[in-house]
Each structure stands twice: as structure tokens, then as C-alpha cells.
Amino acid sequence: METLQRPDGGISRVARFLVYVLTRDNWDLVRYYPHPRGRSGALYDAGLLTGTSAHDAHWFAPTPAGERALRRLLARHGIHLR
């Protein structure tokens, strides 16, 4: 986890992930911003490492199952969120 400035000017803890996109044979940089009070966080698609996609520079809300999966993944790596 690291601390970054959000687009709205606030400060937030964030986890960065590289996600392999099979259909594009490429890596995508995705940032996960957990909610500070334990509610559903936000995902930011920073874009493909090489090339572009329609999802670049867009914000997404994870589904409840996706939120749980992200938190489990972080916990497996020693990052425990409230």
C-alpha cells in the first residue's frame, strides 16, 4: 500500500496491481483505492503498459464479490484493511 493524492485533491491509501489481459496479450495497471471506513472501494484503470484501450483513465466500482477478492488478495500479502 502507498499513499497517493486522489483526483479530488484528497489523500488516499492505494494498492497498485498489474493485471494481465488475455484478450490483448498485454498488462494493465489498475489501482485499488479502499474506502477508509471499510465500505466498497474504487478501481482506477491507469491504462495498458503498451497501447491503449477504451477503459484507460476510467474509474470503476468493484462488485461486492470483487471487493472481497481484492481484500483477500491484499490480506494474503500482509495488508489487512478494516
N, C-alpha and C. Protein backbone atom coordinates (compact mmCIF):
# COMPACT_ATOMS: atom_id res chain seq x y z
N MET A 1 0.85 -1.17 0.00
CA MET A 1 0.00 0.00 0.00
C MET A 1 0.90 1.23 0.00
N GLU A 2 0.46 2.24 -0.70
CA GLU A 2 1.16 3.51 -0.71
C GLU A 2 0.13 4.63 -0.62
N THR A 3 0.58 5.82 -0.38
CA THR A 3 -0.31 6.97 -0.27
C THR A 3 -0.18 7.82 -1.52
N LEU A 4 -1.31 8.13 -2.13
CA LEU A 4 -1.34 8.97 -3.34
C LEU A 4 -2.42 10.03 -3.19
N GLN A 5 -2.28 11.10 -3.96
CA GLN A 5 -3.32 12.12 -4.00
C GLN A 5 -4.40 11.68 -4.98
N ARG A 6 -5.66 11.74 -4.53
CA ARG A 6 -6.80 11.41 -5.39
C ARG A 6 -7.07 12.55 -6.35
N PRO A 7 -7.79 12.29 -7.43
CA PRO A 7 -8.15 13.35 -8.37
C PRO A 7 -8.95 14.49 -7.72
N ASP A 8 -9.68 14.19 -6.63
CA ASP A 8 -10.46 15.24 -5.98
C ASP A 8 -9.62 16.05 -4.99
N GLY A 9 -8.31 15.78 -4.93
CA GLY A 9 -7.41 16.53 -4.07
C GLY A 9 -7.15 15.89 -2.72
N GLY A 10 -7.96 14.90 -2.32
CA GLY A 10 -7.76 14.21 -1.05
C GLY A 10 -6.58 13.24 -1.13
N ILE A 11 -6.23 12.72 0.01
CA ILE A 11 -5.14 11.74 0.10
C ILE A 11 -5.76 10.38 0.41
N SER A 12 -5.24 9.33 -0.22
CA SER A 12 -5.80 8.01 -0.02
C SER A 12 -4.70 6.96 -0.06
N ARG A 13 -4.93 5.87 0.66
CA ARG A 13 -4.07 4.70 0.53
C ARG A 13 -4.48 3.97 -0.74
N VAL A 14 -3.53 3.41 -1.44
CA VAL A 14 -3.83 2.75 -2.71
C VAL A 14 -2.93 1.53 -2.89
N ALA A 15 -3.49 0.52 -3.54
CA ALA A 15 -2.72 -0.66 -3.92
C ALA A 15 -2.67 -0.69 -5.44
N ARG A 16 -1.50 -0.90 -5.99
CA ARG A 16 -1.36 -0.98 -7.45
C ARG A 16 -1.23 -2.44 -7.86
N PHE A 17 -1.91 -2.79 -8.94
CA PHE A 17 -1.86 -4.14 -9.48
C PHE A 17 -1.52 -4.08 -10.96
N LEU A 18 -0.76 -5.05 -11.41
CA LEU A 18 -0.61 -5.27 -12.84
C LEU A 18 -1.51 -6.45 -13.17
N VAL A 19 -2.41 -6.26 -14.10
CA VAL A 19 -3.39 -7.28 -14.47
C VAL A 19 -3.09 -7.70 -15.90
N TYR A 20 -2.93 -9.00 -16.11
CA TYR A 20 -2.67 -9.50 -17.46
C TYR A 20 -3.99 -9.62 -18.20
N VAL A 21 -4.07 -9.01 -19.38
CA VAL A 21 -5.30 -9.02 -20.19
C VAL A 21 -5.10 -10.04 -21.31
N LEU A 22 -5.71 -11.21 -21.15
CA LEU A 22 -5.51 -12.27 -22.13
C LEU A 22 -5.93 -11.88 -23.54
N THR A 23 -7.06 -11.19 -23.65
CA THR A 23 -7.57 -10.87 -24.99
C THR A 23 -6.68 -9.88 -25.72
N ARG A 24 -5.85 -9.15 -25.01
CA ARG A 24 -4.96 -8.17 -25.64
C ARG A 24 -3.49 -8.58 -25.55
N ASP A 25 -3.20 -9.69 -24.84
CA ASP A 25 -1.83 -10.13 -24.63
C ASP A 25 -0.99 -8.95 -24.12
N ASN A 26 -1.47 -8.33 -23.04
CA ASN A 26 -0.85 -7.12 -22.54
C ASN A 26 -1.09 -7.01 -21.04
N TRP A 27 -0.39 -6.11 -20.39
CA TRP A 27 -0.55 -5.83 -18.96
C TRP A 27 -1.26 -4.51 -18.78
N ASP A 28 -2.17 -4.45 -17.80
CA ASP A 28 -2.94 -3.26 -17.50
C ASP A 28 -2.62 -2.84 -16.06
N LEU A 29 -2.38 -1.55 -15.84
CA LEU A 29 -2.12 -1.05 -14.49
C LEU A 29 -3.44 -0.61 -13.88
N VAL A 30 -3.82 -1.26 -12.78
CA VAL A 30 -5.08 -0.96 -12.08
C VAL A 30 -4.73 -0.57 -10.65
N ARG A 31 -5.34 0.51 -10.18
CA ARG A 31 -5.15 0.95 -8.79
C ARG A 31 -6.44 0.71 -8.01
N TYR A 32 -6.29 0.17 -6.82
CA TYR A 32 -7.43 -0.07 -5.94
C TYR A 32 -7.35 0.91 -4.77
N TYR A 33 -8.39 1.69 -4.60
CA TYR A 33 -8.49 2.65 -3.50
C TYR A 33 -9.51 2.11 -2.50
N PRO A 34 -9.05 1.51 -1.40
CA PRO A 34 -10.01 1.01 -0.41
C PRO A 34 -10.70 2.17 0.28
N HIS A 35 -11.95 1.98 0.64
CA HIS A 35 -12.69 3.01 1.35
C HIS A 35 -12.14 3.09 2.78
N PRO A 36 -11.91 4.31 3.31
CA PRO A 36 -11.31 4.41 4.64
C PRO A 36 -12.19 3.88 5.77
N ARG A 37 -13.49 3.71 5.52
CA ARG A 37 -14.38 3.21 6.57
C ARG A 37 -14.88 1.79 6.28
N GLY A 38 -14.17 1.06 5.41
CA GLY A 38 -14.49 -0.34 5.18
C GLY A 38 -15.57 -0.61 4.15
N ARG A 39 -16.16 0.43 3.59
CA ARG A 39 -17.16 0.20 2.54
C ARG A 39 -16.45 -0.14 1.24
N SER A 40 -17.22 -0.31 0.18
CA SER A 40 -16.65 -0.65 -1.11
C SER A 40 -15.71 0.44 -1.60
N GLY A 41 -14.55 0.04 -2.09
CA GLY A 41 -13.56 0.98 -2.59
C GLY A 41 -13.80 1.34 -4.04
N ALA A 42 -12.75 1.79 -4.71
CA ALA A 42 -12.83 2.18 -6.11
C ALA A 42 -11.62 1.64 -6.85
N LEU A 43 -11.82 1.35 -8.13
CA LEU A 43 -10.74 0.90 -9.01
C LEU A 43 -10.50 1.96 -10.07
N TYR A 44 -9.23 2.21 -10.34
CA TYR A 44 -8.86 3.16 -11.39
C TYR A 44 -8.02 2.42 -12.41
N ASP A 45 -8.44 2.42 -13.65
CA ASP A 45 -7.69 1.78 -14.74
C ASP A 45 -6.74 2.82 -15.31
N ALA A 46 -5.46 2.71 -14.97
CA ALA A 46 -4.46 3.68 -15.43
C ALA A 46 -4.03 3.42 -16.87
N GLY A 47 -4.37 2.28 -17.43
CA GLY A 47 -4.08 2.01 -18.83
C GLY A 47 -3.14 0.83 -19.05
N LEU A 48 -3.13 0.40 -20.29
CA LEU A 48 -2.25 -0.69 -20.70
C LEU A 48 -0.80 -0.23 -20.66
N LEU A 49 0.11 -1.15 -20.40
CA LEU A 49 1.52 -0.78 -20.40
C LEU A 49 2.01 -0.43 -21.79
N THR A 50 1.48 -1.13 -22.79
CA THR A 50 1.80 -0.78 -24.18
C THR A 50 0.49 -0.69 -24.94
N GLY A 51 0.19 0.46 -25.50
CA GLY A 51 -1.05 0.64 -26.24
C GLY A 51 -2.11 1.32 -25.39
N THR A 52 -3.32 1.33 -25.91
CA THR A 52 -4.44 1.98 -25.22
C THR A 52 -5.67 1.09 -25.30
N SER A 53 -6.65 1.41 -24.46
CA SER A 53 -7.94 0.71 -24.52
C SER A 53 -9.03 1.71 -24.16
N ALA A 54 -10.27 1.32 -24.37
CA ALA A 54 -11.41 2.19 -24.06
C ALA A 54 -11.56 2.41 -22.56
N HIS A 55 -10.91 1.61 -21.75
CA HIS A 55 -11.05 1.71 -20.29
C HIS A 55 -9.98 2.57 -19.64
N ASP A 56 -8.98 3.01 -20.41
CA ASP A 56 -7.90 3.82 -19.85
C ASP A 56 -8.46 5.06 -19.16
N ALA A 57 -7.88 5.38 -18.00
CA ALA A 57 -8.22 6.59 -17.24
C ALA A 57 -9.69 6.63 -16.82
N HIS A 58 -10.27 5.48 -16.49
CA HIS A 58 -11.65 5.42 -16.02
C HIS A 58 -11.71 4.83 -14.61
N TRP A 59 -12.70 5.26 -13.85
CA TRP A 59 -12.97 4.75 -12.51
C TRP A 59 -14.06 3.71 -12.58
N PHE A 60 -13.94 2.68 -11.73
CA PHE A 60 -14.92 1.61 -11.68
C PHE A 60 -15.21 1.26 -10.22
N ALA A 61 -16.41 0.81 -9.95
CA ALA A 61 -16.76 0.31 -8.62
C ALA A 61 -16.70 -1.21 -8.67
N PRO A 62 -15.93 -1.83 -7.77
CA PRO A 62 -15.91 -3.29 -7.77
C PRO A 62 -17.25 -3.85 -7.29
N THR A 63 -17.61 -5.01 -7.80
CA THR A 63 -18.79 -5.70 -7.29
C THR A 63 -18.50 -6.13 -5.86
N PRO A 64 -19.51 -6.49 -5.08
CA PRO A 64 -19.24 -6.99 -3.71
C PRO A 64 -18.28 -8.19 -3.73
N ALA A 65 -18.45 -9.10 -4.67
CA ALA A 65 -17.55 -10.26 -4.77
C ALA A 65 -16.14 -9.81 -5.14
N GLY A 66 -16.03 -8.83 -6.03
CA GLY A 66 -14.72 -8.30 -6.42
C GLY A 66 -14.03 -7.61 -5.26
N GLU A 67 -14.80 -6.86 -4.48
CA GLU A 67 -14.26 -6.19 -3.29
C GLU A 67 -13.70 -7.21 -2.30
N ARG A 68 -14.46 -8.29 -2.05
CA ARG A 68 -13.98 -9.34 -1.15
C ARG A 68 -12.70 -9.98 -1.68
N ALA A 69 -12.66 -10.24 -2.99
CA ALA A 69 -11.48 -10.86 -3.60
C ALA A 69 -10.25 -9.95 -3.47
N LEU A 70 -10.42 -8.65 -3.69
CA LEU A 70 -9.31 -7.72 -3.55
C LEU A 70 -8.79 -7.69 -2.12
N ARG A 71 -9.69 -7.66 -1.16
CA ARG A 71 -9.28 -7.64 0.24
C ARG A 71 -8.60 -8.94 0.65
N ARG A 72 -9.08 -10.08 0.13
CA ARG A 72 -8.41 -11.36 0.42
C ARG A 72 -7.01 -11.38 -0.17
N LEU A 73 -6.87 -10.89 -1.40
CA LEU A 73 -5.57 -10.85 -2.06
C LEU A 73 -4.59 -9.99 -1.25
N LEU A 74 -5.04 -8.83 -0.82
CA LEU A 74 -4.17 -7.96 -0.02
C LEU A 74 -3.82 -8.62 1.31
N ALA A 75 -4.79 -9.26 1.96
CA ALA A 75 -4.54 -9.93 3.24
C ALA A 75 -3.51 -11.04 3.09
N ARG A 76 -3.56 -11.77 1.98
CA ARG A 76 -2.57 -12.82 1.74
C ARG A 76 -1.16 -12.26 1.66
N HIS A 77 -1.06 -10.98 1.33
CA HIS A 77 0.25 -10.33 1.23
C HIS A 77 0.53 -9.43 2.42
N GLY A 78 -0.19 -9.67 3.53
CA GLY A 78 0.08 -8.98 4.78
C GLY A 78 -0.54 -7.60 4.92
N ILE A 79 -1.45 -7.23 4.03
CA ILE A 79 -2.10 -5.92 4.11
C ILE A 79 -3.55 -6.16 4.56
N HIS A 80 -3.84 -5.77 5.79
CA HIS A 80 -5.17 -6.01 6.36
C HIS A 80 -5.92 -4.69 6.48
N LEU A 81 -7.07 -4.63 5.86
CA LEU A 81 -7.90 -3.43 5.88
C LEU A 81 -9.04 -3.64 6.85
N ARG A 82 -9.61 -2.55 7.34
CA ARG A 82 -10.76 -2.65 8.22
C ARG A 82 -11.98 -3.07 7.47
